[in-house]
Amino acid sequence: MTKLNLTQAAQAAGIARGTLYRHIKDGKITCEENDNGERVIDTSELLRVYKKLNSDGTSQGDVQNHEVEHQETPRDVQMIQQENEHLKQRVSELEQDRQERKQREEKSQAENDRLVGIIEKQMLLLPAPAKQPKKRIFFGLFGR
């Protein structure tokens, strides 16, 4: 698509240049430098952020009062469909991984519970510790 300098881009979007500069600074819209070192914005980026434009941005003349509509070509539609299918497949894989991880976690928790039960039973079989007499350290020094 066409690339516009920042003044043209602001006019096409119907916003003030200062607003455009702020949106660039805030990361709401991206710009790049052309071969001459000027900052430019692709009209597709303007459409993404501002949804409609006041002119097609191909001339440096006055802004015209008609909307530019983004028309998708059959190739664009095909690419979008392929990307959509790829994303659906990836979501399915991630869901399957999540289910497997959940099953492993449940098995691990069951094994942990089993082992804790064994330890508790073994502790009951141990003899009670013998009581040891208390040592009198401080008072023992004075003959008590």
Protein backbone atom coordinates (compact mmCIF):
# COMPACT_ATOMS: atom_id res chain seq x y z
CA MET A 1 0.00 0.00 0.00
CA THR A 2 0.94 3.64 -0.20
CA LYS A 3 3.21 5.21 2.37
CA LEU A 4 2.45 8.72 3.59
CA ASN A 5 4.59 11.22 5.41
CA LEU A 6 3.33 12.16 8.87
CA THR A 7 1.51 15.31 7.71
CA GLN A 8 -0.30 13.40 4.96
CA ALA A 9 -1.06 10.54 7.34
CA ALA A 10 -2.58 12.90 9.92
CA GLN A 11 -4.72 14.54 7.22
CA ALA A 12 -5.83 11.17 5.84
CA ALA A 13 -6.76 9.94 9.31
CA GLY A 14 -8.54 13.20 10.11
CA ILE A 15 -6.47 13.87 13.22
CA ALA A 16 -4.01 16.54 14.28
CA ARG A 17 -0.31 15.95 13.69
CA GLY A 18 0.32 16.23 17.42
CA THR A 19 -2.16 13.45 18.05
CA LEU A 20 -0.42 11.29 15.44
CA TYR A 21 2.97 11.95 17.04
CA ARG A 22 1.55 10.99 20.44
CA HIS A 23 0.06 7.77 19.02
CA ILE A 24 3.46 6.90 17.52
CA LYS A 25 5.20 7.62 20.83
CA ASP A 26 2.63 5.52 22.75
CA GLY A 27 3.04 2.63 20.30
CA LYS A 28 -0.56 2.75 19.09
CA ILE A 29 0.64 3.10 15.49
CA THR A 30 3.99 2.30 13.89
CA CYS A 31 5.99 4.28 11.40
CA GLU A 32 9.19 3.63 9.51
CA GLU A 33 11.86 5.61 7.70
CA ASN A 34 11.97 5.74 3.92
CA ASP A 35 15.16 5.91 1.83
CA ASN A 36 15.36 9.68 2.39
CA GLY A 37 15.25 9.29 6.17
CA GLU A 38 11.69 10.66 6.44
CA ARG A 39 9.24 8.98 8.77
CA VAL A 40 6.35 7.45 6.83
CA ILE A 41 3.28 5.41 7.69
CA ASP A 42 1.73 2.78 5.46
CA THR A 43 -1.95 3.41 4.70
CA SER A 44 -2.74 -0.15 5.83
CA GLU A 45 -1.41 0.82 9.28
CA LEU A 46 -3.66 3.90 9.27
CA LEU A 47 -6.63 1.70 8.35
CA ARG A 48 -5.75 -0.75 11.13
CA VAL A 49 -5.73 1.95 13.78
CA TYR A 50 -8.23 4.55 12.55
CA LYS A 51 -10.55 2.23 10.52
CA LYS A 52 -11.27 4.78 7.76
CA LEU A 53 -9.37 7.44 5.90
CA ASN A 54 -10.40 10.77 4.38
CA SER A 55 -8.43 10.24 1.16
CA ASP A 56 -6.54 7.51 -0.64
CA GLY A 57 -3.28 9.23 0.26
CA THR A 58 -1.77 8.81 -3.20
CA SER A 59 -1.45 12.52 -3.95
CA GLN A 60 -0.09 15.40 -1.92
CA GLY A 61 -3.12 17.55 -2.74
CA ASP A 62 -6.05 18.46 -0.54
CA VAL A 63 -7.78 15.79 1.45
CA GLN A 64 -10.83 14.49 -0.34
CA ASN A 65 -14.06 13.66 1.49
CA HIS A 66 -14.50 9.98 0.68
CA GLU A 67 -13.60 6.86 2.58
CA VAL A 68 -10.99 4.41 1.45
CA GLU A 69 -12.25 0.89 1.86
CA HIS A 70 -9.82 -1.92 2.30
CA GLN A 71 -10.73 -4.57 -0.24
CA GLU A 72 -9.33 -8.01 0.26
CA THR A 73 -8.12 -9.90 -2.76
CA PRO A 74 -8.79 -13.63 -3.17
CA ARG A 75 -5.13 -14.19 -2.29
CA ASP A 76 -5.57 -12.25 0.96
CA VAL A 77 -8.66 -14.30 1.79
CA GLN A 78 -6.81 -17.53 1.08
CA MET A 79 -3.87 -16.45 3.28
CA ILE A 80 -6.27 -15.49 6.08
CA GLN A 81 -8.03 -18.84 5.82
CA GLN A 82 -4.71 -20.71 5.91
CA GLU A 83 -3.58 -18.71 8.93
CA ASN A 84 -6.94 -19.35 10.59
CA GLU A 85 -6.61 -23.11 10.01
CA HIS A 86 -3.05 -23.03 11.33
CA LEU A 87 -4.20 -21.21 14.47
CA LYS A 88 -7.08 -23.65 14.99
CA GLN A 89 -4.64 -26.55 14.72
CA ARG A 90 -2.26 -24.88 17.17
CA VAL A 91 -5.10 -24.28 19.65
CA SER A 92 -6.08 -27.93 19.33
CA GLU A 93 -2.49 -29.04 20.00
CA LEU A 94 -2.24 -26.77 23.03
CA GLU A 95 -5.55 -28.05 24.39
CA GLN A 96 -4.33 -31.64 23.98
CA ASP A 97 -1.06 -30.76 25.76
CA ARG A 98 -3.06 -29.17 28.58
CA GLN A 99 -5.20 -32.29 28.98
CA GLU A 100 -2.12 -34.54 29.05
CA ARG A 101 -0.46 -32.29 31.63
CA LYS A 102 -3.62 -32.38 33.75
CA GLN A 103 -3.68 -36.19 33.62
CA ARG A 104 0.00 -36.39 34.62
CA GLU A 105 -0.67 -33.99 37.49
CA GLU A 106 -3.62 -36.10 38.70
CA LYS A 107 -1.51 -39.28 38.55
CA SER A 108 1.30 -37.56 40.40
CA GLN A 109 -1.08 -36.33 43.11
CA ALA A 110 -2.55 -39.84 43.50
CA GLU A 111 0.94 -41.33 43.84
CA ASN A 112 1.86 -38.65 46.36
CA ASP A 113 -1.26 -39.40 48.41
CA ARG A 114 -0.47 -43.14 48.29
CA LEU A 115 3.08 -42.61 49.52
CA VAL A 116 1.96 -40.26 52.31
CA GLY A 117 -0.51 -42.95 53.41
CA ILE A 118 2.25 -45.55 53.55
CA ILE A 119 4.47 -43.24 55.60
CA GLU A 120 1.64 -42.51 58.04
CA LYS A 121 0.96 -46.23 58.51
CA GLN A 122 4.66 -46.95 59.07
CA MET A 123 4.85 -44.18 61.65
CA LEU A 124 2.04 -45.84 63.62
CA LEU A 125 4.09 -49.07 63.76
CA LEU A 126 7.11 -47.34 65.26
CA PRO A 127 7.51 -47.59 69.04
CA ALA A 128 6.88 -44.44 70.99
CA PRO A 129 10.09 -42.61 71.79
CA ALA A 130 11.41 -43.23 75.32
CA LYS A 131 11.16 -40.29 77.65
CA GLN A 132 14.52 -39.02 78.69
CA PRO A 133 14.97 -37.33 82.02
CA LYS A 134 15.35 -33.63 81.90
CA LYS A 135 18.82 -32.46 82.57
CA ARG A 136 19.25 -29.83 85.19
CA ILE A 137 22.05 -27.78 83.98
CA PHE A 138 21.73 -24.50 85.82
CA PHE A 139 20.35 -25.71 89.17
CA GLY A 140 22.62 -28.75 89.15
CA LEU A 141 25.55 -26.43 89.62
CA PHE A 142 24.25 -25.32 93.02
CA GLY A 143 23.71 -28.76 94.48
CA ARG A 144 20.02 -29.16 94.19
